[in-house]
């Protein structure tokens, strides 16, 4: 495969990924249980590698532009987005525990959600401040503890064999 074809294939793959992420972000703007900002950040990353025009459109969007610019420049995640993401992931973990009896699914979701929460709460909440690292760390520990308790409750109470 020639170099030019390979570059075009990579460019259009990123463009396709950006469009899919933008579509998922649109769905997330309508449905309260699906995130919006995460998919917009992924779309911004994809468009930065494939389409300067779409990247500029996202960065200058009236509603999401400032959030995406802050992310791109300072890796900032606003506090409401952190709390909404943590609440949404917790609700998703609880709902999946109630609906599905796959123990491996809840464990995988728990590990994924713990990783994402750790990542989100490690980021500053505003561009000019480094944030209160100690307070963010305590909140992260509380969220992880609550998630562990929910997982233990689900695993040991709901799916343990009945003791007679």
N, C-alpha and C. Protein backbone atom coordinates (compact mmCIF):
# COMPACT_ATOMS: atom_id res chain seq x y z
N UNK A 1 0.86 -1.17 0.00
CA UNK A 1 0.00 0.00 0.00
C UNK A 1 0.91 1.24 0.00
N UNK A 2 0.60 2.17 -0.85
CA UNK A 2 1.44 3.36 -0.93
C UNK A 2 1.23 4.25 0.29
N UNK A 3 2.21 5.10 0.51
CA UNK A 3 2.18 5.98 1.69
C UNK A 3 0.98 6.92 1.65
N UNK A 4 0.65 7.46 0.49
CA UNK A 4 -0.46 8.39 0.35
C UNK A 4 -1.79 7.72 0.67
N UNK A 5 -1.97 6.50 0.20
CA UNK A 5 -3.21 5.77 0.48
C UNK A 5 -3.32 5.47 1.98
N UNK A 6 -2.20 5.09 2.59
CA UNK A 6 -2.19 4.79 4.02
C UNK A 6 -2.54 6.05 4.83
N UNK A 7 -1.97 7.20 4.45
CA UNK A 7 -2.27 8.45 5.16
C UNK A 7 -3.75 8.82 5.03
N UNK A 8 -4.29 8.64 3.84
CA UNK A 8 -5.72 8.93 3.64
C UNK A 8 -6.60 7.98 4.43
N UNK A 9 -6.21 6.71 4.47
CA UNK A 9 -6.97 5.73 5.24
C UNK A 9 -6.98 6.09 6.72
N UNK A 10 -5.84 6.46 7.26
CA UNK A 10 -5.74 6.86 8.66
C UNK A 10 -6.57 8.13 8.90
N UNK A 11 -6.47 9.10 8.00
CA UNK A 11 -7.22 10.35 8.14
C UNK A 11 -8.73 10.09 8.15
N UNK A 12 -9.19 9.27 7.22
CA UNK A 12 -10.62 9.00 7.16
C UNK A 12 -11.09 8.11 8.30
N UNK A 13 -10.22 7.29 8.83
CA UNK A 13 -10.56 6.50 10.02
C UNK A 13 -10.77 7.42 11.21
N UNK A 14 -9.88 8.39 11.40
CA UNK A 14 -10.06 9.38 12.47
C UNK A 14 -11.32 10.21 12.25
N UNK A 15 -11.56 10.59 11.01
CA UNK A 15 -12.76 11.37 10.69
C UNK A 15 -14.01 10.57 11.02
N UNK A 16 -14.05 9.31 10.64
CA UNK A 16 -15.19 8.44 10.95
C UNK A 16 -15.36 8.29 12.46
N UNK A 17 -14.25 8.08 13.19
CA UNK A 17 -14.31 7.98 14.65
C UNK A 17 -14.84 9.26 15.28
N UNK A 18 -14.43 10.41 14.73
CA UNK A 18 -14.92 11.69 15.24
C UNK A 18 -16.40 11.87 14.99
N UNK A 19 -16.86 11.47 13.84
CA UNK A 19 -18.29 11.59 13.52
C UNK A 19 -19.11 10.66 14.41
N UNK A 20 -18.63 9.44 14.62
CA UNK A 20 -19.34 8.50 15.50
C UNK A 20 -19.38 9.06 16.92
N UNK A 21 -18.25 9.59 17.40
CA UNK A 21 -18.19 10.16 18.75
C UNK A 21 -19.11 11.37 18.87
N UNK A 22 -19.16 12.18 17.82
CA UNK A 22 -20.05 13.33 17.83
C UNK A 22 -21.51 12.89 17.89
N UNK A 23 -21.84 11.83 17.16
CA UNK A 23 -23.20 11.28 17.22
C UNK A 23 -23.53 10.75 18.60
N UNK A 24 -22.58 10.06 19.24
CA UNK A 24 -22.81 9.57 20.60
C UNK A 24 -22.94 10.72 21.59
N UNK A 25 -22.17 11.79 21.36
CA UNK A 25 -22.30 12.97 22.22
C UNK A 25 -23.67 13.62 22.06
N UNK A 26 -24.18 13.64 20.85
CA UNK A 26 -25.52 14.18 20.60
C UNK A 26 -26.57 13.35 21.34
N UNK A 27 -26.43 12.03 21.27
CA UNK A 27 -27.35 11.16 22.00
C UNK A 27 -27.22 11.42 23.51
N UNK A 28 -25.98 11.60 23.97
CA UNK A 28 -25.75 11.89 25.39
C UNK A 28 -26.34 13.22 25.83
N UNK A 29 -26.44 14.17 24.92
CA UNK A 29 -27.05 15.46 25.26
C UNK A 29 -28.56 15.30 25.46
N UNK A 30 -29.14 14.29 24.82
CA UNK A 30 -30.58 14.05 24.93
C UNK A 30 -30.89 13.10 26.09
N UNK A 31 -30.12 12.02 26.21
CA UNK A 31 -30.36 11.03 27.26
C UNK A 31 -29.54 11.36 28.50
N UNK A 32 -30.16 11.42 29.65
CA UNK A 32 -29.42 11.81 30.86
C UNK A 32 -28.44 10.76 31.37
N UNK A 33 -28.57 9.51 30.95
CA UNK A 33 -27.68 8.48 31.49
C UNK A 33 -26.43 8.28 30.65
N UNK A 34 -26.30 8.99 29.56
CA UNK A 34 -25.14 8.83 28.69
C UNK A 34 -24.31 10.11 28.71
N UNK A 35 -22.98 9.99 28.82
CA UNK A 35 -22.16 11.20 28.89
C UNK A 35 -22.08 11.93 27.56
N UNK A 36 -21.88 13.23 27.63
CA UNK A 36 -21.73 14.05 26.44
C UNK A 36 -20.29 14.50 26.28
N UNK A 37 -19.73 15.04 27.34
CA UNK A 37 -18.41 15.66 27.27
C UNK A 37 -17.32 14.68 26.86
N UNK A 38 -17.38 13.46 27.38
CA UNK A 38 -16.36 12.46 27.05
C UNK A 38 -16.34 12.21 25.54
N UNK A 39 -17.50 12.06 24.95
CA UNK A 39 -17.56 11.80 23.52
C UNK A 39 -17.15 13.03 22.71
N UNK A 40 -17.43 14.23 23.24
CA UNK A 40 -16.96 15.44 22.56
C UNK A 40 -15.44 15.54 22.60
N UNK A 41 -14.84 15.15 23.72
CA UNK A 41 -13.38 15.16 23.82
C UNK A 41 -12.77 14.16 22.84
N UNK A 42 -13.38 12.99 22.73
CA UNK A 42 -12.89 11.99 21.77
C UNK A 42 -13.06 12.51 20.34
N UNK A 43 -14.20 13.14 20.06
CA UNK A 43 -14.43 13.71 18.72
C UNK A 43 -13.41 14.80 18.43
N UNK A 44 -13.11 15.65 19.42
CA UNK A 44 -12.12 16.70 19.23
C UNK A 44 -10.76 16.11 18.91
N UNK A 45 -10.38 15.06 19.62
CA UNK A 45 -9.10 14.40 19.37
C UNK A 45 -9.06 13.82 17.96
N UNK A 46 -10.14 13.15 17.57
CA UNK A 46 -10.19 12.56 16.22
C UNK A 46 -10.15 13.65 15.15
N UNK A 47 -10.91 14.73 15.35
CA UNK A 47 -10.93 15.80 14.36
C UNK A 47 -9.60 16.55 14.30
N UNK A 48 -8.87 16.60 15.42
CA UNK A 48 -7.56 17.26 15.40
C UNK A 48 -6.58 16.50 14.52
N UNK A 49 -6.85 15.24 14.28
CA UNK A 49 -5.99 14.42 13.43
C UNK A 49 -6.53 14.26 12.01
N UNK A 50 -7.76 14.78 11.77
CA UNK A 50 -8.34 14.53 10.45
C UNK A 50 -8.95 15.75 9.78
N UNK A 51 -9.53 16.68 10.54
CA UNK A 51 -10.25 17.79 9.93
C UNK A 51 -10.10 19.06 10.77
N UNK A 52 -9.30 19.98 10.30
CA UNK A 52 -9.10 21.25 11.01
C UNK A 52 -10.42 22.04 11.08
N UNK A 53 -11.24 21.92 10.05
CA UNK A 53 -12.51 22.66 10.02
C UNK A 53 -13.46 22.15 11.11
N UNK A 54 -13.59 20.83 11.25
CA UNK A 54 -14.46 20.29 12.30
C UNK A 54 -13.88 20.51 13.69
N UNK A 55 -12.57 20.46 13.82
CA UNK A 55 -11.94 20.77 15.11
C UNK A 55 -12.25 22.21 15.51
N UNK A 56 -12.11 23.14 14.56
CA UNK A 56 -12.41 24.55 14.83
C UNK A 56 -13.89 24.73 15.18
N UNK A 57 -14.76 24.01 14.51
CA UNK A 57 -16.19 24.10 14.79
C UNK A 57 -16.48 23.67 16.23
N UNK A 58 -15.86 22.58 16.67
CA UNK A 58 -16.07 22.12 18.04
C UNK A 58 -15.51 23.13 19.05
N UNK A 59 -14.32 23.65 18.77
CA UNK A 59 -13.68 24.58 19.71
C UNK A 59 -14.40 25.91 19.81
N UNK A 60 -15.16 26.28 18.79
CA UNK A 60 -15.89 27.54 18.82
C UNK A 60 -17.39 27.34 19.03
N UNK A 61 -17.80 26.13 19.37
CA UNK A 61 -19.21 25.86 19.61
C UNK A 61 -19.69 26.70 20.79
N UNK A 62 -20.87 27.33 20.68
CA UNK A 62 -21.33 28.23 21.75
C UNK A 62 -21.55 27.55 23.11
N UNK A 63 -21.96 26.31 23.10
CA UNK A 63 -22.25 25.64 24.37
C UNK A 63 -21.07 24.84 24.91
N UNK A 64 -20.38 24.12 24.06
CA UNK A 64 -19.32 23.21 24.51
C UNK A 64 -17.91 23.70 24.20
N UNK A 65 -17.79 24.78 23.46
CA UNK A 65 -16.47 25.25 23.03
C UNK A 65 -15.53 25.57 24.17
N UNK A 66 -16.01 26.28 25.19
CA UNK A 66 -15.12 26.66 26.30
C UNK A 66 -14.65 25.43 27.09
N UNK A 67 -15.53 24.45 27.23
CA UNK A 67 -15.14 23.21 27.94
C UNK A 67 -14.06 22.48 27.16
N UNK A 68 -14.23 22.39 25.85
CA UNK A 68 -13.26 21.69 25.02
C UNK A 68 -11.95 22.45 24.92
N UNK A 69 -12.00 23.79 24.86
CA UNK A 69 -10.76 24.58 24.85
C UNK A 69 -9.99 24.41 26.15
N UNK A 70 -10.72 24.44 27.28
CA UNK A 70 -10.06 24.22 28.57
C UNK A 70 -9.45 22.83 28.66
N UNK A 71 -10.14 21.84 28.11
CA UNK A 71 -9.58 20.49 28.11
C UNK A 71 -8.32 20.44 27.25
N UNK A 72 -8.40 21.01 26.06
CA UNK A 72 -7.28 20.94 25.13
C UNK A 72 -6.06 21.68 25.67
N UNK A 73 -6.27 22.82 26.32
CA UNK A 73 -5.15 23.62 26.80
C UNK A 73 -4.63 23.18 28.16
N UNK A 74 -5.56 22.89 29.10
CA UNK A 74 -5.15 22.69 30.49
C UNK A 74 -5.52 21.32 31.08
N UNK A 75 -6.18 20.48 30.31
CA UNK A 75 -6.65 19.19 30.81
C UNK A 75 -7.57 19.38 32.02
N UNK A 76 -8.49 20.31 31.92
CA UNK A 76 -9.43 20.66 32.99
C UNK A 76 -10.73 19.89 32.81
N UNK A 77 -11.24 19.33 33.92
CA UNK A 77 -12.56 18.70 33.93
C UNK A 77 -13.39 19.44 34.97
N UNK A 78 -14.46 20.13 34.57
CA UNK A 78 -15.27 20.88 35.54
C UNK A 78 -15.88 19.96 36.60
N UNK A 79 -16.05 20.51 37.81
CA UNK A 79 -16.60 19.71 38.91
C UNK A 79 -17.96 19.09 38.58
N UNK A 80 -18.90 19.84 38.00
CA UNK A 80 -20.18 19.20 37.68
C UNK A 80 -20.03 18.00 36.75
N UNK A 81 -19.10 18.08 35.81
CA UNK A 81 -18.88 16.95 34.90
C UNK A 81 -18.32 15.75 35.66
N UNK A 82 -17.44 16.01 36.62
CA UNK A 82 -16.88 14.92 37.43
C UNK A 82 -17.98 14.24 38.23
N UNK A 83 -18.81 15.04 38.90
CA UNK A 83 -19.87 14.47 39.74
C UNK A 83 -20.91 13.74 38.89
N UNK A 84 -21.27 14.33 37.75
CA UNK A 84 -22.26 13.69 36.88
C UNK A 84 -21.72 12.37 36.35
N UNK A 85 -20.44 12.35 35.97
CA UNK A 85 -19.83 11.10 35.46
C UNK A 85 -19.80 10.04 36.55
N UNK A 86 -19.41 10.42 37.76
CA UNK A 86 -19.36 9.45 38.87
C UNK A 86 -20.75 8.93 39.20
N UNK A 87 -21.74 9.82 39.22
CA UNK A 87 -23.11 9.39 39.52
C UNK A 87 -23.64 8.49 38.40
N UNK A 88 -23.38 8.85 37.16
CA UNK A 88 -23.84 8.04 36.04
C UNK A 88 -23.19 6.66 36.02
N UNK A 89 -21.90 6.61 36.32
CA UNK A 89 -21.23 5.31 36.35
C UNK A 89 -21.73 4.46 37.52
N UNK A 90 -21.99 5.09 38.67
CA UNK A 90 -22.52 4.34 39.81
C UNK A 90 -23.91 3.79 39.49
N UNK A 91 -24.75 4.63 38.89
CA UNK A 91 -26.09 4.18 38.51
C UNK A 91 -26.00 3.04 37.50
N UNK A 92 -25.09 3.15 36.56
CA UNK A 92 -24.91 2.10 35.56
C UNK A 92 -24.46 0.80 36.21
N UNK A 93 -23.58 0.90 37.19
CA UNK A 93 -23.11 -0.29 37.89
C UNK A 93 -24.25 -0.95 38.65
N UNK A 94 -25.07 -0.15 39.32
CA UNK A 94 -26.21 -0.68 40.08
C UNK A 94 -27.23 -1.32 39.14
N UNK A 95 -27.55 -0.63 38.05
CA UNK A 95 -28.54 -1.15 37.11
C UNK A 95 -28.06 -2.45 36.48
N UNK A 96 -26.78 -2.49 36.08
CA UNK A 96 -26.27 -3.73 35.48
C UNK A 96 -26.25 -4.86 36.50
N UNK A 97 -26.01 -4.54 37.78
CA UNK A 97 -26.04 -5.57 38.82
C UNK A 97 -27.44 -6.12 39.05
N UNK A 98 -28.43 -5.27 38.88
CA UNK A 98 -29.81 -5.71 39.07
C UNK A 98 -30.36 -6.46 37.86
N UNK A 99 -29.91 -6.10 36.67
CA UNK A 99 -30.46 -6.68 35.45
C UNK A 99 -29.74 -7.93 34.96
N UNK A 100 -28.44 -8.01 35.20
CA UNK A 100 -27.66 -9.11 34.63
C UNK A 100 -27.03 -9.93 35.74
N UNK A 101 -26.91 -11.21 35.51
CA UNK A 101 -26.32 -12.08 36.52
C UNK A 101 -24.90 -12.52 36.14
N UNK A 102 -24.22 -11.71 35.37
CA UNK A 102 -22.84 -12.01 35.00
C UNK A 102 -21.91 -11.34 36.00
N UNK A 103 -21.31 -12.11 36.88
CA UNK A 103 -20.41 -11.54 37.88
C UNK A 103 -19.21 -10.86 37.27
N UNK A 104 -18.70 -11.44 36.18
CA UNK A 104 -17.53 -10.86 35.53
C UNK A 104 -17.84 -9.49 34.95
N UNK A 105 -19.10 -9.26 34.52
CA UNK A 105 -19.48 -7.97 33.94
C UNK A 105 -19.39 -6.87 34.99
N UNK A 106 -19.94 -7.13 36.18
CA UNK A 106 -19.90 -6.12 37.23
C UNK A 106 -18.47 -5.85 37.69
N UNK A 107 -17.66 -6.88 37.77
CA UNK A 107 -16.27 -6.68 38.18
C UNK A 107 -15.53 -5.86 37.12
N UNK A 108 -15.74 -6.18 35.85
CA UNK A 108 -15.09 -5.42 34.77
C UNK A 108 -15.56 -3.97 34.77
N UNK A 109 -16.88 -3.76 34.93
CA UNK A 109 -17.41 -2.39 34.98
C UNK A 109 -16.86 -1.64 36.18
N UNK A 110 -16.81 -2.30 37.32
CA UNK A 110 -16.28 -1.66 38.51
C UNK A 110 -14.84 -1.21 38.29
N UNK A 111 -14.01 -2.08 37.74
CA UNK A 111 -12.61 -1.72 37.50
C UNK A 111 -12.50 -0.57 36.50
N UNK A 112 -13.29 -0.63 35.44
CA UNK A 112 -13.29 0.44 34.45
C UNK A 112 -13.73 1.75 35.07
N UNK A 113 -14.83 1.72 35.83
CA UNK A 113 -15.35 2.94 36.44
C UNK A 113 -14.39 3.49 37.49
N UNK A 114 -13.74 2.62 38.25
CA UNK A 114 -12.77 3.09 39.25
C UNK A 114 -11.60 3.78 38.55
N UNK A 115 -11.15 3.21 37.45
CA UNK A 115 -10.06 3.82 36.69
C UNK A 115 -10.47 5.19 36.16
N UNK A 116 -11.67 5.28 35.58
CA UNK A 116 -12.14 6.54 35.01
C UNK A 116 -12.32 7.59 36.11
N UNK A 117 -12.91 7.20 37.24
CA UNK A 117 -13.09 8.16 38.34
C UNK A 117 -11.73 8.65 38.86
N UNK A 118 -10.79 7.75 39.01
CA UNK A 118 -9.46 8.16 39.45
C UNK A 118 -8.85 9.16 38.46
N UNK A 119 -9.02 8.91 37.19
CA UNK A 119 -8.48 9.80 36.17
C UNK A 119 -9.17 11.16 36.22
N UNK A 120 -10.51 11.15 36.27
CA UNK A 120 -11.25 12.41 36.26
C UNK A 120 -10.94 13.26 37.49
N UNK A 121 -10.94 12.64 38.67
CA UNK A 121 -10.75 13.42 39.88
C UNK A 121 -9.29 13.81 40.11
N UNK A 122 -8.38 13.27 39.32
CA UNK A 122 -6.99 13.70 39.39
C UNK A 122 -6.76 14.98 38.57
N UNK A 123 -7.67 15.30 37.69
CA UNK A 123 -7.55 16.49 36.85
C UNK A 123 -8.05 17.72 37.61
N UNK A 124 -7.46 18.90 37.34
CA UNK A 124 -7.95 20.13 38.00
C UNK A 124 -9.35 20.49 37.53
N UNK A 125 -10.04 21.27 38.36
CA UNK A 125 -11.43 21.65 38.05
C UNK A 125 -11.55 23.01 37.37
N UNK A 126 -10.50 23.82 37.43
CA UNK A 126 -10.52 25.11 36.75
C UNK A 126 -9.13 25.39 36.18
N UNK A 127 -9.05 26.17 35.10
CA UNK A 127 -7.78 26.33 34.39
C UNK A 127 -6.68 27.01 35.19
N UNK A 128 -7.01 27.98 36.02
CA UNK A 128 -5.99 28.76 36.70
C UNK A 128 -5.51 28.17 38.00
N UNK A 129 -6.23 27.22 38.52
CA UNK A 129 -5.86 26.64 39.81
C UNK A 129 -5.46 25.19 39.63
N UNK A 130 -4.53 24.76 40.44
CA UNK A 130 -4.14 23.37 40.43
C UNK A 130 -5.16 22.52 41.17
N UNK A 131 -6.06 23.17 41.87
CA UNK A 131 -7.09 22.45 42.62
C UNK A 131 -6.56 22.03 43.97
N UNK A 132 -7.46 21.73 44.84
CA UNK A 132 -7.09 21.25 46.17
C UNK A 132 -6.88 19.75 46.05
N UNK A 133 -5.63 19.37 45.89
CA UNK A 133 -5.31 17.97 45.63
C UNK A 133 -5.74 17.07 46.78
N UNK A 134 -5.58 17.56 48.01
CA UNK A 134 -5.96 16.75 49.17
C UNK A 134 -7.47 16.51 49.20
N UNK A 135 -8.25 17.54 48.94
CA UNK A 135 -9.71 17.41 48.94
C UNK A 135 -10.16 16.50 47.79
N UNK A 136 -9.57 16.66 46.62
CA UNK A 136 -9.91 15.80 45.49
C UNK A 136 -9.56 14.34 45.80
N UNK A 137 -8.42 14.13 46.46
CA UNK A 137 -8.00 12.77 46.80
C UNK A 137 -8.98 12.14 47.79
N UNK A 138 -9.43 12.91 48.80
CA UNK A 138 -10.41 12.39 49.76
C UNK A 138 -11.71 12.03 49.07
N UNK A 139 -12.18 12.90 48.18
CA UNK A 139 -13.42 12.63 47.46
C UNK A 139 -13.27 11.38 46.60
N UNK A 140 -12.12 11.22 45.97
CA UNK A 140 -11.86 10.03 45.17
C UNK A 140 -11.88 8.78 46.03
N UNK A 141 -11.31 8.85 47.22
CA UNK A 141 -11.33 7.70 48.14
C UNK A 141 -12.75 7.37 48.57
N UNK A 142 -13.56 8.40 48.85
CA UNK A 142 -14.96 8.18 49.24
C UNK A 142 -15.72 7.51 48.09
N UNK A 143 -15.54 8.03 46.87
CA UNK A 143 -16.24 7.43 45.73
C UNK A 143 -15.80 5.98 45.51
N UNK A 144 -14.51 5.72 45.62
CA UNK A 144 -14.02 4.35 45.45
C UNK A 144 -14.56 3.44 46.54
N UNK A 145 -14.64 3.94 47.78
CA UNK A 145 -15.15 3.14 48.89
C UNK A 145 -16.63 2.81 48.68
N UNK A 146 -17.40 3.81 48.29
CA UNK A 146 -18.83 3.56 48.03
C UNK A 146 -18.99 2.54 46.91
N UNK A 147 -18.19 2.66 45.86
CA UNK A 147 -18.27 1.69 44.77
C UNK A 147 -17.90 0.29 45.24
N UNK A 148 -16.86 0.20 46.07
CA UNK A 148 -16.46 -1.12 46.61
C UNK A 148 -17.57 -1.71 47.47
N UNK A 149 -18.20 -0.88 48.30
CA UNK A 149 -19.28 -1.36 49.15
C UNK A 149 -20.46 -1.85 48.31
N UNK A 150 -20.80 -1.11 47.27
CA UNK A 150 -21.89 -1.54 46.39
C UNK A 150 -21.55 -2.85 45.70
N UNK A 151 -20.31 -2.98 45.24
CA UNK A 151 -19.90 -4.21 44.58
C UNK A 151 -19.91 -5.38 45.56
N UNK A 152 -19.42 -5.16 46.79
CA UNK A 152 -19.43 -6.23 47.80
C UNK A 152 -20.85 -6.62 48.17
N UNK A 153 -21.73 -5.62 48.34
CA UNK A 153 -23.12 -5.91 48.65
C UNK A 153 -23.74 -6.76 47.54
N UNK A 154 -23.54 -6.31 46.31
CA UNK A 154 -24.11 -7.03 45.19
C UNK A 154 -23.57 -8.45 45.14
N UNK A 155 -22.27 -8.61 45.30
CA UNK A 155 -21.65 -9.91 45.14
C UNK A 155 -21.99 -10.86 46.29
N UNK A 156 -21.88 -10.38 47.53
CA UNK A 156 -22.03 -11.27 48.67
C UNK A 156 -23.48 -11.44 49.12
N UNK A 157 -24.29 -10.42 48.97
CA UNK A 157 -25.69 -10.52 49.42
C UNK A 157 -26.59 -11.06 48.32
N UNK A 158 -26.47 -10.52 47.15
CA UNK A 158 -27.36 -10.90 46.06
C UNK A 158 -27.03 -12.25 45.45
N UNK A 159 -25.75 -12.59 45.37
CA UNK A 159 -25.38 -13.78 44.63
C UNK A 159 -24.64 -14.83 45.45
N UNK A 160 -24.62 -14.67 46.75
CA UNK A 160 -24.02 -15.71 47.56
C UNK A 160 -25.04 -16.82 47.79
N UNK A 161 -24.59 -18.04 47.97
CA UNK A 161 -25.55 -19.13 48.22
C UNK A 161 -26.27 -18.92 49.55
N UNK A 162 -27.51 -19.30 49.59
CA UNK A 162 -28.30 -19.13 50.82
C UNK A 162 -27.73 -19.98 51.92
N UNK A 163 -27.62 -19.40 53.10
CA UNK A 163 -27.11 -20.13 54.28
C UNK A 163 -28.29 -20.59 55.11
N UNK A 164 -28.36 -21.89 55.35
CA UNK A 164 -29.48 -22.43 56.12
C UNK A 164 -29.02 -22.88 57.47
